[in-house]
């Protein structure tokens, strides 16, 4: 498996994986995948990754979205990670998330946030294994197909970016 930058040429495969996640009913509040242009506008220009097989098949993708337009939150991003149905349970998510963490830190991100439906135990487990911690729950935060849904809020604070310098004595 290779981890490489997500490019516009990957969009058809990325969109299909996103649509497969939408179809599960436990991946996102979205009900349809956006156009490339809308997706591109909504995500940071860096830390966009795909995992591919040796033959170039896209197995999963990950990207970051800003949490706010305010400059004080410039180092905080929300994570999206989706794995193709046929690639789930094979370590793709773990490797992709580790690469995303490293790339986000290289780009000055000090906090990664994730909001996951409480029923999505696989995603919660993946994030926990990668050093995310549960920071709260949002009850009945939104409706999905007419049903109120709860989300688990998780975050990972970088141990290397945004760490205060030791005090001089």
C-alpha atoms as a PDB file:
ATOM      1  CA  UNK A   1       0.000   0.000   0.000  1.00  0.00           C
ATOM      2  CA  UNK A   2       1.136   3.515  -0.813  1.00  0.00           C
ATOM      3  CA  UNK A   3       0.100   6.763   0.875  1.00  0.00           C
ATOM      4  CA  UNK A   4       0.274   9.761  -1.429  1.00  0.00           C
ATOM      5  CA  UNK A   5      -1.261  13.199  -1.947  1.00  0.00           C
ATOM      6  CA  UNK A   6      -4.925  13.252  -2.937  1.00  0.00           C
ATOM      7  CA  UNK A   7      -5.188  14.916  -6.334  1.00  0.00           C
ATOM      8  CA  UNK A   8      -8.161  15.963  -8.426  1.00  0.00           C
ATOM      9  CA  UNK A   9      -7.469  12.924 -10.637  1.00  0.00           C
ATOM     10  CA  UNK A  10      -8.324  10.711  -7.627  1.00  0.00           C
ATOM     11  CA  UNK A  11     -11.735  12.372  -7.231  1.00  0.00           C
ATOM     12  CA  UNK A  12     -13.888   9.724  -8.984  1.00  0.00           C
ATOM     13  CA  UNK A  13     -12.531   7.004  -6.656  1.00  0.00           C
ATOM     14  CA  UNK A  14     -12.568   9.290  -3.598  1.00  0.00           C
ATOM     15  CA  UNK A  15     -16.165  10.261  -4.354  1.00  0.00           C
ATOM     16  CA  UNK A  16     -17.190   6.590  -4.715  1.00  0.00           C
ATOM     17  CA  UNK A  17     -15.618   5.767  -1.337  1.00  0.00           C
ATOM     18  CA  UNK A  18     -17.349   8.788   0.211  1.00  0.00           C
ATOM     19  CA  UNK A  19     -20.672   7.660  -1.277  1.00  0.00           C
ATOM     20  CA  UNK A  20     -20.135   4.156   0.149  1.00  0.00           C
ATOM     21  CA  UNK A  21     -19.596   5.755   3.572  1.00  0.00           C
ATOM     22  CA  UNK A  22     -22.740   7.854   3.155  1.00  0.00           C
ATOM     23  CA  UNK A  23     -24.680   4.687   2.256  1.00  0.00           C
ATOM     24  CA  UNK A  24     -23.772   3.063   5.602  1.00  0.00           C
ATOM     25  CA  UNK A  25     -25.833   5.697   7.412  1.00  0.00           C
ATOM     26  CA  UNK A  26     -23.153   5.941  10.137  1.00  0.00           C
ATOM     27  CA  UNK A  27     -20.369   7.941   8.509  1.00  0.00           C
ATOM     28  CA  UNK A  28     -21.712  11.470   8.005  1.00  0.00           C
ATOM     29  CA  UNK A  29     -24.764  13.679   8.132  1.00  0.00           C
ATOM     30  CA  UNK A  30     -24.254  14.311   4.409  1.00  0.00           C
ATOM     31  CA  UNK A  31     -26.705  12.579   2.098  1.00  0.00           C
ATOM     32  CA  UNK A  32     -24.726  12.955  -1.120  1.00  0.00           C
ATOM     33  CA  UNK A  33     -21.144  13.575  -2.120  1.00  0.00           C
ATOM     34  CA  UNK A  34     -20.312  17.092  -3.293  1.00  0.00           C
ATOM     35  CA  UNK A  35     -18.706  18.107  -6.555  1.00  0.00           C
ATOM     36  CA  UNK A  36     -14.919  18.221  -6.658  1.00  0.00           C
ATOM     37  CA  UNK A  37     -15.069  22.031  -6.571  1.00  0.00           C
ATOM     38  CA  UNK A  38     -17.205  22.103  -3.415  1.00  0.00           C
ATOM     39  CA  UNK A  39     -15.091  19.419  -1.725  1.00  0.00           C
ATOM     40  CA  UNK A  40     -11.904  21.275  -2.671  1.00  0.00           C
ATOM     41  CA  UNK A  41     -13.187  24.558  -1.201  1.00  0.00           C
ATOM     42  CA  UNK A  42     -14.188  22.880   2.060  1.00  0.00           C
ATOM     43  CA  UNK A  43     -10.849  21.226   2.812  1.00  0.00           C
ATOM     44  CA  UNK A  44      -7.407  22.543   3.634  1.00  0.00           C
ATOM     45  CA  UNK A  45      -5.012  22.606   0.666  1.00  0.00           C
ATOM     46  CA  UNK A  46      -2.540  20.352   2.502  1.00  0.00           C
ATOM     47  CA  UNK A  47      -2.886  17.031   4.333  1.00  0.00           C
ATOM     48  CA  UNK A  48      -5.069  15.480   1.634  1.00  0.00           C
ATOM     49  CA  UNK A  49      -4.067  11.853   1.313  1.00  0.00           C
ATOM     50  CA  UNK A  50      -5.088   8.673  -0.472  1.00  0.00           C
ATOM     51  CA  UNK A  51      -4.053   5.117   0.269  1.00  0.00           C
ATOM     52  CA  UNK A  52      -3.627   3.081  -2.896  1.00  0.00           C
ATOM     53  CA  UNK A  53      -2.856  -0.518  -3.689  1.00  0.00           C
ATOM     54  CA  UNK A  54       0.236  -1.310  -5.735  1.00  0.00           C
ATOM     55  CA  UNK A  55      -1.893  -1.200  -8.900  1.00  0.00           C
ATOM     56  CA  UNK A  56      -3.153   2.324  -8.081  1.00  0.00           C
ATOM     57  CA  UNK A  57      -6.615   1.408  -6.780  1.00  0.00           C
ATOM     58  CA  UNK A  58      -7.700   3.966  -4.170  1.00  0.00           C
ATOM     59  CA  UNK A  59      -8.379   2.121  -0.896  1.00  0.00           C
ATOM     60  CA  UNK A  60      -9.171   5.136   1.277  1.00  0.00           C
ATOM     61  CA  UNK A  61      -8.722   8.840   1.734  1.00  0.00           C
ATOM     62  CA  UNK A  62      -8.260  11.396   4.482  1.00  0.00           C
ATOM     63  CA  UNK A  63      -8.348  15.175   4.556  1.00  0.00           C
ATOM     64  CA  UNK A  64      -8.664  18.118   6.930  1.00  0.00           C
ATOM     65  CA  UNK A  65     -11.195  20.925   7.158  1.00  0.00           C
ATOM     66  CA  UNK A  66     -10.715  24.146   9.078  1.00  0.00           C
ATOM     67  CA  UNK A  67     -12.799  24.356  12.252  1.00  0.00           C
ATOM     68  CA  UNK A  68     -13.014  28.143  12.118  1.00  0.00           C
ATOM     69  CA  UNK A  69     -11.983  31.110  10.023  1.00  0.00           C
ATOM     70  CA  UNK A  70     -10.602  32.832  13.118  1.00  0.00           C
ATOM     71  CA  UNK A  71      -6.796  32.984  13.126  1.00  0.00           C
ATOM     72  CA  UNK A  72      -6.504  31.686  16.702  1.00  0.00           C
ATOM     73  CA  UNK A  73      -7.864  28.342  15.476  1.00  0.00           C
ATOM     74  CA  UNK A  74      -5.427  28.128  12.555  1.00  0.00           C
ATOM     75  CA  UNK A  75      -3.756  25.078  14.081  1.00  0.00           C
ATOM     76  CA  UNK A  76      -6.990  23.182  14.695  1.00  0.00           C
ATOM     77  CA  UNK A  77      -8.550  21.015  12.005  1.00  0.00           C
ATOM     78  CA  UNK A  78     -11.365  18.500  11.656  1.00  0.00           C
ATOM     79  CA  UNK A  79     -10.511  15.136  10.178  1.00  0.00           C
ATOM     80  CA  UNK A  80     -12.349  13.172   7.509  1.00  0.00           C
ATOM     81  CA  UNK A  81     -11.296   9.595   6.829  1.00  0.00           C
ATOM     82  CA  UNK A  82     -13.087   7.067   4.636  1.00  0.00           C
ATOM     83  CA  UNK A  83     -12.072   3.541   3.676  1.00  0.00           C
ATOM     84  CA  UNK A  84     -13.398   1.582   0.687  1.00  0.00           C
ATOM     85  CA  UNK A  85     -15.746  -1.218   1.809  1.00  0.00           C
ATOM     86  CA  UNK A  86     -13.486  -3.912   0.365  1.00  0.00           C
ATOM     87  CA  UNK A  87     -10.446  -2.488   2.214  1.00  0.00           C
ATOM     88  CA  UNK A  88     -11.964  -2.147   5.698  1.00  0.00           C
ATOM     89  CA  UNK A  89     -10.394  -4.156   8.509  1.00  0.00           C
ATOM     90  CA  UNK A  90      -7.040  -4.465   6.712  1.00  0.00           C
ATOM     91  CA  UNK A  91      -5.073  -1.683   8.417  1.00  0.00           C
ATOM     92  CA  UNK A  92      -5.678   0.900   5.691  1.00  0.00           C
ATOM     93  CA  UNK A  93      -7.372   3.307   8.097  1.00  0.00           C
ATOM     94  CA  UNK A  94      -4.602   2.959  10.684  1.00  0.00           C
ATOM     95  CA  UNK A  95      -1.833   3.697   8.178  1.00  0.00           C
ATOM     96  CA  UNK A  96      -3.758   6.508   6.520  1.00  0.00           C
ATOM     97  CA  UNK A  97      -4.564   8.159   9.855  1.00  0.00           C
ATOM     98  CA  UNK A  98      -0.952   7.909  11.041  1.00  0.00           C
ATOM     99  CA  UNK A  99       0.223   9.530   7.789  1.00  0.00           C
ATOM    100  CA  UNK A 100      -2.410  12.255   8.138  1.00  0.00           C
ATOM    101  CA  UNK A 101      -1.288  12.998  11.698  1.00  0.00           C
ATOM    102  CA  UNK A 102       2.348  13.306  10.604  1.00  0.00           C
ATOM    103  CA  UNK A 103       1.437  15.493   7.637  1.00  0.00           C
ATOM    104  CA  UNK A 104      -0.837  17.708   9.734  1.00  0.00           C
ATOM    105  CA  UNK A 105       1.956  18.270  12.250  1.00  0.00           C
ATOM    106  CA  UNK A 106       4.389  19.097   9.431  1.00  0.00           C
ATOM    107  CA  UNK A 107       1.881  21.796   8.442  1.00  0.00           C
ATOM    108  CA  UNK A 108       1.562  23.298  11.940  1.00  0.00           C
ATOM    109  CA  UNK A 109      -1.662  21.648  13.105  1.00  0.00           C
ATOM    110  CA  UNK A 110      -1.638  21.226  16.886  1.00  0.00           C
ATOM    111  CA  UNK A 111      -5.118  19.786  17.416  1.00  0.00           C
ATOM    112  CA  UNK A 112      -7.127  17.347  15.309  1.00  0.00           C
ATOM    113  CA  UNK A 113     -10.834  16.974  15.992  1.00  0.00           C
ATOM    114  CA  UNK A 114     -13.235  14.227  14.982  1.00  0.00           C
ATOM    115  CA  UNK A 115     -16.998  14.034  15.350  1.00  0.00           C
ATOM    116  CA  UNK A 116     -18.319  10.500  14.906  1.00  0.00           C
ATOM    117  CA  UNK A 117     -21.776   8.963  15.186  1.00  0.00           C
ATOM    118  CA  UNK A 118     -21.841   7.024  18.449  1.00  0.00           C
ATOM    119  CA  UNK A 119     -22.803   3.858  16.559  1.00  0.00           C
ATOM    120  CA  UNK A 120     -19.618   3.970  14.458  1.00  0.00           C
ATOM    121  CA  UNK A 121     -17.522   1.876  16.838  1.00  0.00           C
ATOM    122  CA  UNK A 122     -14.888   1.102  14.164  1.00  0.00           C
ATOM    123  CA  UNK A 123     -14.152   4.799  13.646  1.00  0.00           C
ATOM    124  CA  UNK A 124     -14.064   5.504  17.373  1.00  0.00           C
ATOM    125  CA  UNK A 125     -11.662   2.590  17.861  1.00  0.00           C
ATOM    126  CA  UNK A 126      -9.436   3.738  14.990  1.00  0.00           C
ATOM    127  CA  UNK A 127      -9.171   7.242  16.402  1.00  0.00           C
ATOM    128  CA  UNK A 128      -8.569   5.954  19.940  1.00  0.00           C
ATOM    129  CA  UNK A 129      -5.694   3.758  18.718  1.00  0.00           C
ATOM    130  CA  UNK A 130      -4.184   6.823  17.027  1.00  0.00           C
ATOM    131  CA  UNK A 131      -4.118   8.806  20.273  1.00  0.00           C
ATOM    132  CA  UNK A 132      -7.451  10.620  20.091  1.00  0.00           C
ATOM    133  CA  UNK A 133      -9.446  10.934  23.298  1.00  0.00           C
ATOM    134  CA  UNK A 134     -13.150  11.401  23.853  1.00  0.00           C
ATOM    135  CA  UNK A 135     -13.813  14.959  24.979  1.00  0.00           C
ATOM    136  CA  UNK A 136     -17.585  14.878  24.938  1.00  0.00           C
ATOM    137  CA  UNK A 137     -20.864  13.921  23.386  1.00  0.00           C
ATOM    138  CA  UNK A 138     -23.319  15.972  21.393  1.00  0.00           C
ATOM    139  CA  UNK A 139     -26.824  14.715  21.962  1.00  0.00           C
ATOM    140  CA  UNK A 140     -29.420  15.060  19.242  1.00  0.00           C
ATOM    141  CA  UNK A 141     -27.074  17.413  17.392  1.00  0.00           C
ATOM    142  CA  UNK A 142     -28.762  16.887  14.050  1.00  0.00           C
ATOM    143  CA  UNK A 143     -31.258  14.843  12.113  1.00  0.00           C
ATOM    144  CA  UNK A 144     -30.199  12.215   9.648  1.00  0.00           C
ATOM    145  CA  UNK A 145     -33.013  10.858   7.494  1.00  0.00           C
ATOM    146  CA  UNK A 146     -35.492  12.206  10.044  1.00  0.00           C
ATOM    147  CA  UNK A 147     -33.787  10.597  13.060  1.00  0.00           C
ATOM    148  CA  UNK A 148     -32.010  12.638  15.719  1.00  0.00           C
ATOM    149  CA  UNK A 149     -28.376  11.501  16.011  1.00  0.00           C
ATOM    150  CA  UNK A 150     -25.730  11.781  18.706  1.00  0.00           C
ATOM    151  CA  UNK A 151     -22.035  12.228  18.037  1.00  0.00           C
ATOM    152  CA  UNK A 152     -18.894  11.430  20.005  1.00  0.00           C
ATOM    153  CA  UNK A 153     -16.407  14.304  19.960  1.00  0.00           C
ATOM    154  CA  UNK A 154     -12.750  13.296  19.955  1.00  0.00           C
ATOM    155  CA  UNK A 155      -9.483  15.180  19.698  1.00  0.00           C
ATOM    156  CA  UNK A 156      -5.773  14.575  19.462  1.00  0.00           C
ATOM    157  CA  UNK A 157      -3.344  17.174  20.697  1.00  0.00           C
ATOM    158  CA  UNK A 158       0.055  17.075  19.020  1.00  0.00           C
ATOM    159  CA  UNK A 159       2.956  16.344  21.367  1.00  0.00           C
ATOM    160  CA  UNK A 160       5.304  18.317  19.074  1.00  0.00           C
ATOM    161  CA  UNK A 161       3.349  21.228  17.538  1.00  0.00           C
ATOM    162  CA  UNK A 162       2.155  24.074  19.710  1.00  0.00           C
ATOM    163  CA  UNK A 163       3.921  22.731  22.780  1.00  0.00           C
ATOM    164  CA  UNK A 164       5.007  25.557  25.074  1.00  0.00           C
ATOM    165  CA  UNK A 165       8.744  26.032  25.353  1.00  0.00           C
ATOM    166  CA  UNK A 166      10.237  25.125  28.743  1.00  0.00           C
ATOM    167  CA  UNK A 167      10.325  28.060  31.115  1.00  0.00           C
ATOM    168  CA  UNK A 168      13.711  29.660  31.588  1.00  0.00           C
ATOM    169  CA  UNK A 169      14.912  29.615  35.159  1.00  0.00           C
END
